Each structure stands twice: as C-alpha cells, then as structure tokens.
Amino acid sequence: AAALRAKREEAELQHQEKAGLGLPTSIEGFKAHPLYVLQRHITKYEALKPNTLPVGLHKGEPYYPRQDLSELHTTDRWRREGWKVLDSELDRPAKLVNKRAQPAPRGFQGRG
C-alpha cells in the first residue's frame, strides 16, 4: 500500500510540473486550486469518494485530490436529471445535511 501511495504521489508531482502548478503554500492557495482541496474547503453539498486517501498534510491538515471530490444531490434532483437512485443507496446516503432552521412566523410568542 505504501509503494502504491508513493507511486501515486510521484505521478501527481510529475503532473504538477507539466501543468506548471506547484503545491500551494497558503491555506487560501488551496481554496481555488485546480488539483487539491483542503478538508475545510469541502462544502456541505460535496463529499470525497469512498476510500480516498490524503495526498499529504499542509500545516497539519490533510489535503486531497480535487478529482476525488463529488457533488451531492437529493433523490429528487437525480430523478429530474434522468437518473434512477438504487434502493440500496437510499438506505445509506453518502452524507446527511441538516435542514436550515425556518424563522418563526411574525407575532409568534413561543411557549412561555
């Protein structure tokens, strides 16, 4: 596993040299970087593909290949786009996102 990881990292470094993109030196550099993403920059509607390993650490925080980042959609959204969601996938979603709190109606005093 370590040899595969080293080989993968070496291939990634060669790809960077060809593209002229180096490893970002700041946290802000990772934010819009085309090759890498920090854990903190993954939004609530994105997730890493299963079994994705970090490429390395930046100031103690893991960074991942951006190509392993997936955009998440609801079941209704997949159906509108013409995709069928498997029943086995409905039982274990990739990520659960909490609903936004709705403001209380005007004039509502609450319990008291």
PDB file of N, CA and C in Angstrom:
ATOM      1  N   ALA A   1       0.824  -1.188   0.000  1.00  0.00           N
ATOM      2  CA  ALA A   1       0.000   0.000   0.000  1.00  0.00           C
ATOM      3  C   ALA A   1       0.871   1.256   0.000  1.00  0.00           C
ATOM      4  N   ALA A   2       1.993   1.195   0.724  1.00  0.00           N
ATOM      5  CA  ALA A   2       2.880   2.360   0.799  1.00  0.00           C
ATOM      6  C   ALA A   2       3.555   2.607  -0.544  1.00  0.00           C
ATOM      7  N   ALA A   3       3.908   1.525  -1.246  1.00  0.00           N
ATOM      8  CA  ALA A   3       4.540   1.675  -2.556  1.00  0.00           C
ATOM      9  C   ALA A   3       3.560   2.281  -3.558  1.00  0.00           C
ATOM     10  N   LEU A   4       2.302   1.851  -3.493  1.00  0.00           N
ATOM     11  CA  LEU A   4       1.274   2.394  -4.381  1.00  0.00           C
ATOM     12  C   LEU A   4       1.043   3.875  -4.094  1.00  0.00           C
ATOM     13  N   ARG A   5       1.033   4.218  -2.817  1.00  0.00           N
ATOM     14  CA  ARG A   5       0.840   5.615  -2.433  1.00  0.00           C
ATOM     15  C   ARG A   5       2.011   6.478  -2.902  1.00  0.00           C
ATOM     16  N   ALA A   6       3.230   5.970  -2.761  1.00  0.00           N
ATOM     17  CA  ALA A   6       4.410   6.713  -3.208  1.00  0.00           C
ATOM     18  C   ALA A   6       4.399   6.885  -4.723  1.00  0.00           C
ATOM     19  N   LYS A   7       3.990   5.843  -5.427  1.00  0.00           N
ATOM     20  CA  LYS A   7       3.915   5.908  -6.888  1.00  0.00           C
ATOM     21  C   LYS A   7       2.860   6.928  -7.316  1.00  0.00           C
ATOM     22  N   ARG A   8       1.746   6.916  -6.616  1.00  0.00           N
ATOM     23  CA  ARG A   8       0.662   7.854  -6.926  1.00  0.00           C
ATOM     24  C   ARG A   8       1.096   9.302  -6.675  1.00  0.00           C
ATOM     25  N   GLU A   9       1.800   9.502  -5.559  1.00  0.00           N
ATOM     26  CA  GLU A   9       2.280  10.848  -5.234  1.00  0.00           C
ATOM     27  C   GLU A   9       3.317  11.318  -6.247  1.00  0.00           C
ATOM     28  N   GLU A  10       4.182  10.421  -6.684  1.00  0.00           N
ATOM     29  CA  GLU A  10       5.185  10.769  -7.696  1.00  0.00           C
ATOM     30  C   GLU A  10       4.524  11.155  -9.016  1.00  0.00           C
ATOM     31  N   ALA A  11       3.492  10.408  -9.408  1.00  0.00           N
ATOM     32  CA  ALA A  11       2.764  10.732 -10.631  1.00  0.00           C
ATOM     33  C   ALA A  11       2.077  12.090 -10.499  1.00  0.00           C
ATOM     34  N   GLU A  12       1.571  12.381  -9.320  1.00  0.00           N
ATOM     35  CA  GLU A  12       0.911  13.667  -9.075  1.00  0.00           C
ATOM     36  C   GLU A  12       1.919  14.813  -9.181  1.00  0.00           C
ATOM     37  N   LEU A  13       3.106  14.615  -8.636  1.00  0.00           N
ATOM     38  CA  LEU A  13       4.141  15.647  -8.713  1.00  0.00           C
ATOM     39  C   LEU A  13       4.582  15.887 -10.153  1.00  0.00           C
ATOM     40  N   GLN A  14       4.689  14.823 -10.938  1.00  0.00           N
ATOM     41  CA  GLN A  14       5.041  14.982 -12.347  1.00  0.00           C
ATOM     42  C   GLN A  14       3.951  15.728 -13.091  1.00  0.00           C
ATOM     43  N   HIS A  15       2.712  15.447 -12.774  1.00  0.00           N
ATOM     44  CA  HIS A  15       1.591  16.141 -13.408  1.00  0.00           C
ATOM     45  C   HIS A  15       1.631  17.635 -13.071  1.00  0.00           C
ATOM     46  N   GLN A  16       1.987  17.959 -11.828  1.00  0.00           N
ATOM     47  CA  GLN A  16       2.092  19.363 -11.413  1.00  0.00           C
ATOM     48  C   GLN A  16       3.158  20.094 -12.214  1.00  0.00           C
ATOM     49  N   GLU A  17       4.296  19.447 -12.384  1.00  0.00           N
ATOM     50  CA  GLU A  17       5.391  20.079 -13.118  1.00  0.00           C
ATOM     51  C   GLU A  17       4.992  20.357 -14.555  1.00  0.00           C
ATOM     52  N   LYS A  18       4.267  19.430 -15.164  1.00  0.00           N
ATOM     53  CA  LYS A  18       3.821  19.624 -16.538  1.00  0.00           C
ATOM     54  C   LYS A  18       2.819  20.763 -16.624  1.00  0.00           C
ATOM     55  N   ALA A  19       1.929  20.841 -15.654  1.00  0.00           N
ATOM     56  CA  ALA A  19       0.890  21.868 -15.674  1.00  0.00           C
ATOM     57  C   ALA A  19       1.424  23.217 -15.203  1.00  0.00           C
ATOM     58  N   GLY A  20       2.603  23.243 -14.618  1.00  0.00           N
ATOM     59  CA  GLY A  20       3.162  24.484 -14.123  1.00  0.00           C
ATOM     60  C   GLY A  20       2.542  24.933 -12.813  1.00  0.00           C
ATOM     61  N   LEU A  21       1.829  24.038 -12.152  1.00  0.00           N
ATOM     62  CA  LEU A  21       1.189  24.358 -10.885  1.00  0.00           C
ATOM     63  C   LEU A  21       1.965  23.712  -9.763  1.00  0.00           C
ATOM     64  N   GLY A  22       2.366  24.491  -8.805  1.00  0.00           N
ATOM     65  CA  GLY A  22       3.044  23.941  -7.652  1.00  0.00           C
ATOM     66  C   GLY A  22       2.063  23.694  -6.530  1.00  0.00           C
ATOM     67  N   LEU A  23       2.562  23.144  -5.475  1.00  0.00           N
ATOM     68  CA  LEU A  23       1.742  22.927  -4.295  1.00  0.00           C
ATOM     69  C   LEU A  23       1.518  24.276  -3.630  1.00  0.00           C
ATOM     70  N   PRO A  24       0.288  24.616  -3.280  1.00  0.00           N
ATOM     71  CA  PRO A  24       0.027  25.914  -2.642  1.00  0.00           C
ATOM     72  C   PRO A  24       0.794  26.036  -1.325  1.00  0.00           C
ATOM     73  N   THR A  25       1.186  27.255  -1.009  1.00  0.00           N
ATOM     74  CA  THR A  25       1.935  27.494   0.222  1.00  0.00           C
ATOM     75  C   THR A  25       1.071  28.094   1.317  1.00  0.00           C
ATOM     76  N   SER A  26      -0.160  28.480   0.988  1.00  0.00           N
ATOM     77  CA  SER A  26      -1.046  29.061   1.995  1.00  0.00           C
ATOM     78  C   SER A  26      -2.399  28.347   1.957  1.00  0.00           C
ATOM     79  N   ILE A  27      -3.163  28.541   3.006  1.00  0.00           N
ATOM     80  CA  ILE A  27      -4.495  27.934   3.073  1.00  0.00           C
ATOM     81  C   ILE A  27      -5.390  28.514   1.987  1.00  0.00           C
ATOM     82  N   GLU A  28      -5.289  29.817   1.743  1.00  0.00           N
ATOM     83  CA  GLU A  28      -6.079  30.456   0.682  1.00  0.00           C
ATOM     84  C   GLU A  28      -5.691  29.920  -0.691  1.00  0.00           C
ATOM     85  N   GLY A  29      -4.443  29.508  -0.856  1.00  0.00           N
ATOM     86  CA  GLY A  29      -3.999  28.954  -2.125  1.00  0.00           C
ATOM     87  C   GLY A  29      -4.705  27.656  -2.476  1.00  0.00           C
ATOM     88  N   PHE A  30      -5.121  26.920  -1.450  1.00  0.00           N
ATOM     89  CA  PHE A  30      -5.838  25.656  -1.674  1.00  0.00           C
ATOM     90  C   PHE A  30      -7.288  25.886  -2.072  1.00  0.00           C
ATOM     91  N   LYS A  31      -7.854  27.046  -1.696  1.00  0.00           N
ATOM     92  CA  LYS A  31      -9.280  27.271  -1.849  1.00  0.00           C
ATOM     93  C   LYS A  31      -9.772  27.096  -3.286  1.00  0.00           C
ATOM     94  N   ALA A  32      -9.072  27.654  -4.252  1.00  0.00           N
ATOM     95  CA  ALA A  32      -9.495  27.550  -5.656  1.00  0.00           C
ATOM     96  C   ALA A  32      -8.475  26.783  -6.486  1.00  0.00           C
ATOM     97  N   HIS A  33      -7.635  25.993  -5.831  1.00  0.00           N
ATOM     98  CA  HIS A  33      -6.598  25.255  -6.547  1.00  0.00           C
ATOM     99  C   HIS A  33      -7.226  24.158  -7.414  1.00  0.00           C
ATOM    100  N   PRO A  34      -6.800  24.010  -8.667  1.00  0.00           N
ATOM    101  CA  PRO A  34      -7.431  23.030  -9.555  1.00  0.00           C
ATOM    102  C   PRO A  34      -7.084  21.570  -9.244  1.00  0.00           C
ATOM    103  N   LEU A  35      -6.023  21.324  -8.483  1.00  0.00           N
ATOM    104  CA  LEU A  35      -5.613  19.938  -8.236  1.00  0.00           C
ATOM    105  C   LEU A  35      -5.904  19.437  -6.820  1.00  0.00           C
ATOM    106  N   TYR A  36      -5.887  20.333  -5.835  1.00  0.00           N
ATOM    107  CA  TYR A  36      -6.008  19.903  -4.446  1.00  0.00           C
ATOM    108  C   TYR A  36      -7.103  20.659  -3.715  1.00  0.00           C
ATOM    109  N   VAL A  37      -7.629  20.017  -2.663  1.00  0.00           N
ATOM    110  CA  VAL A  37      -8.632  20.659  -1.808  1.00  0.00           C
ATOM    111  C   VAL A  37      -8.332  20.275  -0.358  1.00  0.00           C
ATOM    112  N   LEU A  38      -8.397  21.276   0.535  1.00  0.00           N
ATOM    113  CA  LEU A  38      -8.253  21.016   1.964  1.00  0.00           C
ATOM    114  C   LEU A  38      -9.582  20.511   2.517  1.00  0.00           C
ATOM    115  N   GLN A  39      -9.510  19.758   3.596  1.00  0.00           N
ATOM    116  CA  GLN A  39     -10.719  19.234   4.250  1.00  0.00           C
ATOM    117  C   GLN A  39     -11.682  20.365   4.589  1.00  0.00           C
ATOM    118  N   ARG A  40     -11.180  21.497   5.056  1.00  0.00           N
ATOM    119  CA  ARG A  40     -12.044  22.601   5.483  1.00  0.00           C
ATOM    120  C   ARG A  40     -12.771  23.280   4.331  1.00  0.00           C
ATOM    121  N   HIS A  41     -12.299  23.097   3.099  1.00  0.00           N
ATOM    122  CA  HIS A  41     -12.916  23.747   1.950  1.00  0.00           C
ATOM    123  C   HIS A  41     -13.955  22.879   1.249  1.00  0.00           C
ATOM    124  N   ILE A  42     -14.242  21.707   1.790  1.00  0.00           N
ATOM    125  CA  ILE A  42     -15.276  20.842   1.226  1.00  0.00           C
ATOM    126  C   ILE A  42     -16.617  21.328   1.758  1.00  0.00           C
ATOM    127  N   THR A  43     -17.500  21.739   0.843  1.00  0.00           N
ATOM    128  CA  THR A  43     -18.783  22.307   1.260  1.00  0.00           C
ATOM    129  C   THR A  43     -19.743  21.217   1.730  1.00  0.00           C
ATOM    130  N   LYS A  44     -20.895  21.638   2.250  1.00  0.00           N
ATOM    131  CA  LYS A  44     -21.841  20.649   2.762  1.00  0.00           C
ATOM    132  C   LYS A  44     -22.525  19.876   1.650  1.00  0.00           C
ATOM    133  N   TYR A  45     -22.428  20.339   0.418  1.00  0.00           N
ATOM    134  CA  TYR A  45     -23.012  19.630  -0.717  1.00  0.00           C
ATOM    135  C   TYR A  45     -21.952  18.920  -1.555  1.00  0.00           C
ATOM    136  N   GLU A  46     -20.793  18.671  -0.967  1.00  0.00           N
ATOM    137  CA  GLU A  46     -19.710  17.927  -1.611  1.00  0.00           C
ATOM    138  C   GLU A  46     -19.219  16.860  -0.649  1.00  0.00           C
ATOM    139  N   ALA A  47     -18.637  15.806  -1.203  1.00  0.00           N
ATOM    140  CA  ALA A  47     -18.055  14.751  -0.377  1.00  0.00           C
ATOM    141  C   ALA A  47     -16.929  14.090  -1.155  1.00  0.00           C
ATOM    142  N   LEU A  48     -15.991  13.520  -0.423  1.00  0.00           N
ATOM    143  CA  LEU A  48     -14.917  12.761  -1.054  1.00  0.00           C
ATOM    144  C   LEU A  48     -15.432  11.374  -1.406  1.00  0.00           C
ATOM    145  N   LYS A  49     -14.928  10.839  -2.493  1.00  0.00           N
ATOM    146  CA  LYS A  49     -15.297   9.480  -2.876  1.00  0.00           C
ATOM    147  C   LYS A  49     -14.819   8.516  -1.802  1.00  0.00           C
ATOM    148  N   PRO A  50     -15.507   7.388  -1.620  1.00  0.00           N
ATOM    149  CA  PRO A  50     -15.096   6.431  -0.585  1.00  0.00           C
ATOM    150  C   PRO A  50     -13.661   5.961  -0.795  1.00  0.00           C
ATOM    151  N   ASN A  51     -12.972   5.717   0.302  1.00  0.00           N
ATOM    152  CA  ASN A  51     -11.600   5.215   0.336  1.00  0.00           C
ATOM    153  C   ASN A  51     -10.583   6.181  -0.266  1.00  0.00           C
ATOM    154  N   THR A  52     -10.879   7.477  -0.277  1.00  0.00           N
ATOM    155  CA  THR A  52      -9.921   8.467  -0.753  1.00  0.00           C
ATOM    156  C   THR A  52      -8.902   8.730   0.343  1.00  0.00           C
ATOM    157  N   LEU A  53      -7.629   8.621  -0.008  1.00  0.00           N
ATOM    158  CA  LEU A  53      -6.562   8.871   0.947  1.00  0.00           C
ATOM    159  C   LEU A  53      -6.007  10.276   0.735  1.00  0.00           C
ATOM    160  N   PRO A  54      -5.593  10.946   1.823  1.00  0.00           N
ATOM    161  CA  PRO A  54      -4.999  12.261   1.641  1.00  0.00           C
ATOM    162  C   PRO A  54      -3.674  12.156   0.890  1.00  0.00           C
ATOM    163  N   VAL A  55      -3.400  13.163   0.078  1.00  0.00           N
ATOM    164  CA  VAL A  55      -2.146  13.206  -0.681  1.00  0.00           C
ATOM    165  C   VAL A  55      -1.016  13.633   0.237  1.00  0.00           C
ATOM    166  N   GLY A  56      -1.327  14.489   1.197  1.00  0.00           N
ATOM    167  CA  GLY A  56      -0.314  14.975   2.128  1.00  0.00           C
ATOM    168  C   GLY A  56      -0.950  15.845   3.192  1.00  0.00           C
ATOM    169  N   LEU A  57      -0.087  16.535   3.944  1.00  0.00           N
ATOM    170  CA  LEU A  57      -0.546  17.417   5.001  1.00  0.00           C
ATOM    171  C   LEU A  57      -0.032  18.827   4.741  1.00  0.00           C
ATOM    172  N   HIS A  58      -0.879  19.805   5.014  1.00  0.00           N
ATOM    173  CA  HIS A  58      -0.475  21.206   4.952  1.00  0.00           C
ATOM    174  C   HIS A  58      -0.791  21.814   6.305  1.00  0.00           C
ATOM    175  N   LYS A  59       0.251  22.156   7.055  1.00  0.00           N
ATOM    176  CA  LYS A  59       0.104  22.703   8.407  1.00  0.00           C
ATOM    177  C   LYS A  59      -0.758  21.798   9.274  1.00  0.00           C
ATOM    178  N   GLY A  60      -0.575  20.488   9.141  1.00  0.00           N
ATOM    179  CA  GLY A  60      -1.291  19.511   9.949  1.00  0.00           C
ATOM    180  C   GLY A  60      -2.669  19.143   9.449  1.00  0.00           C
ATOM    181  N   GLU A  61      -3.127  19.742   8.368  1.00  0.00           N
ATOM    182  CA  GLU A  61      -4.459  19.454   7.828  1.00  0.00           C
ATOM    183  C   GLU A  61      -4.320  18.664   6.521  1.00  0.00           C
ATOM    184  N   PRO A  62      -5.065  17.567   6.385  1.00  0.00           N
ATOM    185  CA  PRO A  62      -4.920  16.758   5.165  1.00  0.00           C
ATOM    186  C   PRO A  62      -5.484  17.469   3.938  1.00  0.00           C
ATOM    187  N   TYR A  63      -4.830  17.245   2.794  1.00  0.00           N
ATOM    188  CA  TYR A  63      -5.388  17.729   1.529  1.00  0.00           C
ATOM    189  C   TYR A  63      -5.545  16.552   0.588  1.00  0.00           C
ATOM    190  N   TYR A  64      -6.553  16.658  -0.281  1.00  0.00           N
ATOM    191  CA  TYR A  64      -6.971  15.558  -1.135  1.00  0.00           C
ATOM    192  C   TYR A  64      -6.956  15.992  -2.595  1.00  0.00           C
ATOM    193  N   PRO A  65      -6.913  15.024  -3.521  1.00  0.00           N
ATOM    194  CA  PRO A  65      -7.025  15.382  -4.936  1.00  0.00           C
ATOM    195  C   PRO A  65      -8.431  15.904  -5.226  1.00  0.00           C
ATOM    196  N   ARG A  66      -8.529  17.006  -5.918  1.00  0.00           N
ATOM    197  CA  ARG A  66      -9.836  17.595  -6.220  1.00  0.00           C
ATOM    198  C   ARG A  66     -10.655  16.672  -7.122  1.00  0.00           C
ATOM    199  N   GLN A  67      -9.980  15.819  -7.903  1.00  0.00           N
ATOM    200  CA  GLN A  67     -10.700  14.906  -8.791  1.00  0.00           C
ATOM    201  C   GLN A  67     -11.486  13.859  -8.013  1.00  0.00           C
ATOM    202  N   ASP A  68     -11.171  13.652  -6.727  1.00  0.00           N
ATOM    203  CA  ASP A  68     -11.904  12.697  -5.897  1.00  0.00           C
ATOM    204  C   ASP A  68     -13.057  13.346  -5.139  1.00  0.00           C
ATOM    205  N   LEU A  69     -13.373  14.588  -5.466  1.00  0.00           N
ATOM    206  CA  LEU A  69     -14.467  15.310  -4.838  1.00  0.00           C
ATOM    207  C   LEU A  69     -15.721  15.153  -5.691  1.00  0.00           C
ATOM    208  N   SER A  70     -16.836  14.795  -5.070  1.00  0.00           N
ATOM    209  CA  SER A  70     -18.095  14.608  -5.792  1.00  0.00           C
ATOM    210  C   SER A  70     -19.135  15.597  -5.295  1.00  0.00           C
ATOM    211  N   GLU A  71     -19.963  16.062  -6.224  1.00  0.00           N
ATOM    212  CA  GLU A  71     -21.076  16.935  -5.853  1.00  0.00           C
ATOM    213  C   GLU A  71     -22.255  16.051  -5.461  1.00  0.00           C
ATOM    214  N   LEU A  72     -22.926  16.410  -4.370  1.00  0.00           N
ATOM    215  CA  LEU A  72     -24.025  15.610  -3.863  1.00  0.00           C
ATOM    216  C   LEU A  72     -25.361  16.222  -4.268  1.00  0.00           C
ATOM    217  N   HIS A  73     -26.341  15.359  -4.543  1.00  0.00           N
ATOM    218  CA  HIS A  73     -27.675  15.805  -4.918  1.00  0.00           C
ATOM    219  C   HIS A  73     -28.715  14.994  -4.157  1.00  0.00           C
ATOM    220  N   THR A  74     -29.923  15.537  -4.071  1.00  0.00           N
ATOM    221  CA  THR A  74     -31.024  14.812  -3.451  1.00  0.00           C
ATOM    222  C   THR A  74     -31.574  13.793  -4.445  1.00  0.00           C
ATOM    223  N   THR A  75     -32.407  12.890  -3.936  1.00  0.00           N
ATOM    224  CA  THR A  75     -33.037  11.886  -4.789  1.00  0.00           C
ATOM    225  C   THR A  75     -33.877  12.558  -5.870  1.00  0.00           C
ATOM    226  N   ASP A  76     -34.616  13.604  -5.481  1.00  0.00           N
ATOM    227  CA  ASP A  76     -35.454  14.319  -6.460  1.00  0.00           C
ATOM    228  C   ASP A  76     -34.609  14.941  -7.554  1.00  0.00           C
ATOM    229  N   ARG A  77     -33.477  15.496  -7.183  1.00  0.00           N
ATOM    230  CA  ARG A  77     -32.604  16.134  -8.178  1.00  0.00           C
ATOM    231  C   ARG A  77     -32.065  15.106  -9.179  1.00  0.00           C
ATOM    232  N   TRP A  78     -31.663  13.926  -8.677  1.00  0.00           N
ATOM    233  CA  TRP A  78     -31.177  12.883  -9.579  1.00  0.00           C
ATOM    234  C   TRP A  78     -32.281  12.456 -10.541  1.00  0.00           C
ATOM    235  N   ARG A  79     -33.491  12.340 -10.038  1.00  0.00           N
ATOM    236  CA  ARG A  79     -34.621  11.925 -10.890  1.00  0.00           C
ATOM    237  C   ARG A  79     -34.936  12.982 -11.937  1.00  0.00           C
ATOM    238  N   ARG A  80     -34.869  14.262 -11.568  1.00  0.00           N
ATOM    239  CA  ARG A  80     -35.103  15.332 -12.546  1.00  0.00           C
ATOM    240  C   ARG A  80     -34.067  15.300 -13.659  1.00  0.00           C
ATOM    241  N   GLU A  81     -32.856  14.865 -13.333  1.00  0.00           N
ATOM    242  CA  GLU A  81     -31.792  14.775 -14.338  1.00  0.00           C
ATOM    243  C   GLU A  81     -31.839  13.458 -15.112  1.00  0.00           C
ATOM    244  N   GLY A  82     -32.818  12.615 -14.797  1.00  0.00           N
ATOM    245  CA  GLY A  82     -32.999  11.383 -15.559  1.00  0.00           C
ATOM    246  C   GLY A  82     -32.277  10.176 -15.002  1.00  0.00           C
ATOM    247  N   TRP A  83     -31.797  10.242 -13.774  1.00  0.00           N
ATOM    248  CA  TRP A  83     -31.100   9.123 -13.156  1.00  0.00           C
ATOM    249  C   TRP A  83     -32.029   8.409 -12.184  1.00  0.00           C
ATOM    250  N   LYS A  84     -31.815   7.119 -12.010  1.00  0.00           N
ATOM    251  CA  LYS A  84     -32.582   6.347 -11.039  1.00  0.00           C
ATOM    252  C   LYS A  84     -31.679   6.071  -9.841  1.00  0.00           C
ATOM    253  N   VAL A  85     -32.192   6.314  -8.654  1.00  0.00           N
ATOM    254  CA  VAL A  85     -31.436   6.061  -7.433  1.00  0.00           C
ATOM    255  C   VAL A  85     -31.756   4.651  -6.970  1.00  0.00           C
ATOM    256  N   LEU A  86     -30.735   3.854  -6.733  1.00  0.00           N
ATOM    257  CA  LEU A  86     -30.921   2.469  -6.303  1.00  0.00           C
ATOM    258  C   LEU A  86     -31.463   2.412  -4.879  1.00  0.00           C
ATOM    259  N   ASP A  87     -32.315   1.423  -4.624  1.00  0.00           N
ATOM    260  CA  ASP A  87     -32.893   1.265  -3.288  1.00  0.00           C
ATOM    261  C   ASP A  87     -31.805   1.039  -2.237  1.00  0.00           C
ATOM    262  N   SER A  88     -30.754   0.317  -2.598  1.00  0.00           N
ATOM    263  CA  SER A  88     -29.672   0.063  -1.643  1.00  0.00           C
ATOM    264  C   SER A  88     -28.944   1.353  -1.277  1.00  0.00           C
ATOM    265  N   GLU A  89     -28.928   2.319  -2.186  1.00  0.00           N
ATOM    266  CA  GLU A  89     -28.269   3.591  -1.896  1.00  0.00           C
ATOM    267  C   GLU A  89     -29.162   4.515  -1.068  1.00  0.00           C
ATOM    268  N   LEU A  90     -30.464   4.320  -1.138  1.00  0.00           N
ATOM    269  CA  LEU A  90     -31.371   5.127  -0.326  1.00  0.00           C
ATOM    270  C   LEU A  90     -31.202   4.810   1.160  1.00  0.00           C
ATOM    271  N   ASP A  91     -30.861   3.556   1.477  1.00  0.00           N
ATOM    272  CA  ASP A  91     -30.707   3.137   2.862  1.00  0.00           C
ATOM    273  C   ASP A  91     -29.465   3.731   3.518  1.00  0.00           C
ATOM    274  N   ARG A  92     -28.439   4.014   2.716  1.00  0.00           N
ATOM    275  CA  ARG A  92     -27.200   4.567   3.274  1.00  0.00           C
ATOM    276  C   ARG A  92     -26.685   5.708   2.384  1.00  0.00           C
ATOM    277  N   PRO A  93     -27.215   6.914   2.613  1.00  0.00           N
ATOM    278  CA  PRO A  93     -26.784   8.058   1.811  1.00  0.00           C
ATOM    279  C   PRO A  93     -25.321   8.403   2.083  1.00  0.00           C
ATOM    280  N   ALA A  94     -24.684   9.065   1.129  1.00  0.00           N
ATOM    281  CA  ALA A  94     -23.283   9.438   1.270  1.00  0.00           C
ATOM    282  C   ALA A  94     -23.100  10.446   2.398  1.00  0.00           C
ATOM    283  N   LYS A  95     -24.086  11.316   2.583  1.00  0.00           N
ATOM    284  CA  LYS A  95     -23.961  12.360   3.596  1.00  0.00           C
ATOM    285  C   LYS A  95     -25.361  12.857   3.956  1.00  0.00           C
ATOM    286  N   LEU A  96     -25.566  13.194   5.211  1.00  0.00           N
ATOM    287  CA  LEU A  96     -26.826  13.781   5.640  1.00  0.00           C
ATOM    288  C   LEU A  96     -26.587  15.251   5.956  1.00  0.00           C
ATOM    289  N   VAL A  97     -27.403  16.116   5.372  1.00  0.00           N
ATOM    290  CA  VAL A  97     -27.285  17.554   5.588  1.00  0.00           C
ATOM    291  C   VAL A  97     -28.493  18.017   6.385  1.00  0.00           C
ATOM    292  N   ASN A  98     -28.251  18.725   7.478  1.00  0.00           N
ATOM    293  CA  ASN A  98     -29.354  19.226   8.301  1.00  0.00           C
ATOM    294  C   ASN A  98     -30.093  20.329   7.555  1.00  0.00           C
ATOM    295  N   LYS A  99     -31.407  20.344   7.736  1.00  0.00           N
ATOM    296  CA  LYS A  99     -32.216  21.393   7.118  1.00  0.00           C
ATOM    297  C   LYS A  99     -31.938  22.726   7.800  1.00  0.00           C
ATOM    298  N   ARG A 100     -32.120  23.797   7.030  1.00  0.00           N
ATOM    299  CA  ARG A 100     -31.973  25.128   7.599  1.00  0.00           C
ATOM    300  C   ARG A 100     -33.165  25.418   8.500  1.00  0.00           C
ATOM    301  N   ALA A 101     -32.921  26.107   9.590  1.00  0.00           N
ATOM    302  CA  ALA A 101     -33.999  26.466  10.515  1.00  0.00           C
ATOM    303  C   ALA A 101     -34.858  27.547   9.881  1.00  0.00           C
ATOM    304  N   GLN A 102     -36.146  27.355   9.938  1.00  0.00           N
ATOM    305  CA  GLN A 102     -37.080  28.342   9.406  1.00  0.00           C
ATOM    306  C   GLN A 102     -37.354  29.386  10.481  1.00  0.00           C
ATOM    307  N   PRO A 103     -37.411  30.652  10.112  1.00  0.00           N
ATOM    308  CA  PRO A 103     -37.725  31.676  11.128  1.00  0.00           C
ATOM    309  C   PRO A 103     -39.151  31.519  11.627  1.00  0.00           C
ATOM    310  N   ALA A 104     -39.374  31.920  12.866  1.00  0.00           N
ATOM    311  CA  ALA A 104     -40.714  31.836  13.460  1.00  0.00           C
ATOM    312  C   ALA A 104     -41.630  32.835  12.762  1.00  0.00           C
ATOM    313  N   PRO A 105     -42.909  32.480  12.599  1.00  0.00           N
ATOM    314  CA  PRO A 105     -43.844  33.420  11.973  1.00  0.00           C
ATOM    315  C   PRO A 105     -43.983  34.689  12.797  1.00  0.00           C
ATOM    316  N   ARG A 106     -44.323  35.785  12.123  1.00  0.00           N
ATOM    317  CA  ARG A 106     -44.497  37.067  12.837  1.00  0.00           C
ATOM    318  C   ARG A 106     -45.616  36.946  13.860  1.00  0.00           C
ATOM    319  N   GLY A 107     -45.391  37.543  15.002  1.00  0.00           N
ATOM    320  CA  GLY A 107     -46.396  37.525  16.048  1.00  0.00           C
ATOM    321  C   GLY A 107     -46.342  36.265  16.904  1.00  0.00           C
ATOM    322  N   PHE A 108     -45.454  35.335  16.598  1.00  0.00           N
ATOM    323  CA  PHE A 108     -45.353  34.094  17.357  1.00  0.00           C
ATOM    324  C   PHE A 108     -44.588  34.374  18.647  1.00  0.00           C
ATOM    325  N   GLN A 109     -45.183  34.065  19.775  1.00  0.00           N
ATOM    326  CA  GLN A 109     -44.566  34.349  21.064  1.00  0.00           C
ATOM    327  C   GLN A 109     -43.817  33.154  21.633  1.00  0.00           C
ATOM    328  N   GLY A 110     -44.090  31.977  21.126  1.00  0.00           N
ATOM    329  CA  GLY A 110     -43.439  30.787  21.649  1.00  0.00           C
ATOM    330  C   GLY A 110     -44.075  30.337  22.947  1.00  0.00           C
ATOM    331  N   ARG A 111     -43.472  29.349  23.554  1.00  0.00           N
ATOM    332  CA  ARG A 111     -44.008  28.838  24.814  1.00  0.00           C
ATOM    333  C   ARG A 111     -43.564  29.757  25.953  1.00  0.00           C
ATOM    334  N   GLY A 112     -44.401  29.987  26.825  1.00  0.00           N
ATOM    335  CA  GLY A 112     -43.968  30.857  27.915  1.00  0.00           C
ATOM    336  C   GLY A 112     -44.996  31.143  28.824  1.00  0.00           C
TER     337      GLY A 112
END
